[in-house]
Protein backbone atom coordinates (compact mmCIF):
# COMPACT_ATOMS: atom_id res chain seq x y z
CA MET A 1 -0.84 -14.48 -0.78
CA GLY A 2 2.91 -14.70 -0.58
CA THR A 3 3.65 -11.40 -2.35
CA PRO A 4 2.14 -7.90 -2.44
CA GLU A 5 0.89 -8.62 -5.95
CA HIS A 6 -1.07 -11.63 -4.70
CA LEU A 7 -2.64 -9.52 -1.96
CA ALA A 8 -3.67 -6.87 -4.48
CA THR A 9 -5.32 -9.33 -6.86
CA ALA A 10 -7.06 -11.11 -3.98
CA GLY A 11 -8.20 -7.78 -2.54
CA ALA A 12 -9.98 -6.84 -5.77
CA ARG A 13 -12.04 -10.05 -5.46
CA ALA A 14 -12.40 -10.19 -1.67
CA TRP A 15 -15.86 -8.58 -1.65
CA ARG A 16 -17.22 -11.86 -3.04
CA ARG A 17 -16.16 -13.76 0.09
CA GLU A 18 -17.76 -11.53 2.74
CA PRO A 19 -21.23 -13.19 2.67
CA GLU A 20 -19.66 -16.65 2.77
CA MET A 21 -17.56 -15.73 5.80
CA ARG A 22 -20.66 -14.37 7.56
CA GLU A 23 -22.41 -17.70 6.91
CA ILE A 24 -19.40 -19.57 8.29
CA ALA A 25 -19.45 -17.33 11.38
CA GLY A 26 -23.11 -18.18 11.91
CA ALA A 27 -22.41 -21.89 11.57
CA CYS A 28 -19.57 -21.60 14.08
CA ARG A 29 -21.82 -19.83 16.58
CA ALA A 30 -24.54 -22.45 16.06
CA ALA A 31 -21.99 -25.18 16.75
CA GLY A 32 -20.86 -23.42 19.91
CA VAL A 33 -17.36 -22.59 18.70
CA SER A 34 -15.65 -19.25 18.23
CA ALA A 35 -16.70 -17.31 15.16
CA ALA A 36 -13.97 -14.69 15.67
CA PHE A 37 -11.82 -15.67 12.69
CA ALA A 38 -14.73 -15.82 10.25
CA GLU A 39 -16.10 -12.51 11.55
CA ALA A 40 -12.70 -10.85 11.21
CA ALA A 41 -12.30 -12.17 7.67
CA ALA A 42 -15.79 -10.94 6.74
CA ALA A 43 -15.00 -7.51 8.19
CA THR A 44 -11.74 -7.34 6.23
CA PHE A 45 -13.37 -8.41 3.00
CA GLY A 46 -16.20 -5.93 3.56
CA ARG A 47 -13.76 -3.07 4.01
CA TRP A 48 -12.23 -3.91 0.65
CA GLU A 49 -15.59 -3.78 -1.14
CA ALA A 50 -14.73 -0.24 -2.28
CA HIS A 51 -12.03 -1.86 -4.45
CA LYS A 52 -14.45 -4.30 -6.07
CA ASP A 53 -12.87 -5.67 -9.25
CA ASP A 54 -10.29 -2.84 -9.21
CA GLN A 55 -7.30 -4.44 -10.89
CA ALA A 56 -5.24 -1.27 -10.25
CA VAL A 57 -5.51 -1.47 -6.44
CA THR A 58 -2.20 -1.99 -4.68
CA ALA A 59 -1.34 -3.96 -1.58
CA GLY A 60 -0.41 -0.67 0.07
CA GLU A 61 -3.87 0.75 -0.57
CA LEU A 62 -5.53 -2.36 0.85
CA ILE A 63 -3.40 -2.27 4.00
CA ALA A 64 -4.05 1.46 4.41
CA GLU A 65 -7.80 0.79 4.12
CA LEU A 66 -7.61 -1.54 7.11
CA GLY A 67 -5.86 1.14 9.17
CA ARG A 68 -8.51 3.78 8.62
CA GLY A 69 -11.41 4.36 10.98
CA THR A 70 -14.97 3.45 10.09
CA PRO A 71 -15.42 4.46 6.45
CA SER A 72 -18.04 7.00 5.46
CA GLY A 73 -21.19 5.68 3.85
CA THR A 74 -21.50 2.75 6.21
CA SER A 75 -24.66 0.90 6.89
CA PRO A 76 -25.62 0.48 10.58
CA GLY A 77 -26.78 -3.08 9.91
CA ARG A 78 -23.36 -4.05 8.65
CA LYS A 79 -21.43 -3.12 11.80
CA GLY A 80 -19.34 -0.31 10.36
CA LEU A 81 -18.68 -1.94 7.01
CA PRO A 82 -19.16 -0.06 3.74
CA SER A 83 -22.72 -0.03 2.50
CA ARG A 84 -23.45 -2.04 -0.63
């Protein structure tokens, strides 16, 4: 992701990686190591779920999404992430 364009195209597909990152976080916890990075990545990818497959999303929109508070329509079981 060296350019804003790379961030935007990755952001439109990031929702696919959230479950994998949650699994990695669980494996880290089970191994007794920090799961912080995997949890942060999952949270980021989850916040971008609203842009699922949106090829028109910009890097600026993705960054702005991260700066907002807890989005509306969240599911309590997903720790403040957008509901599916």
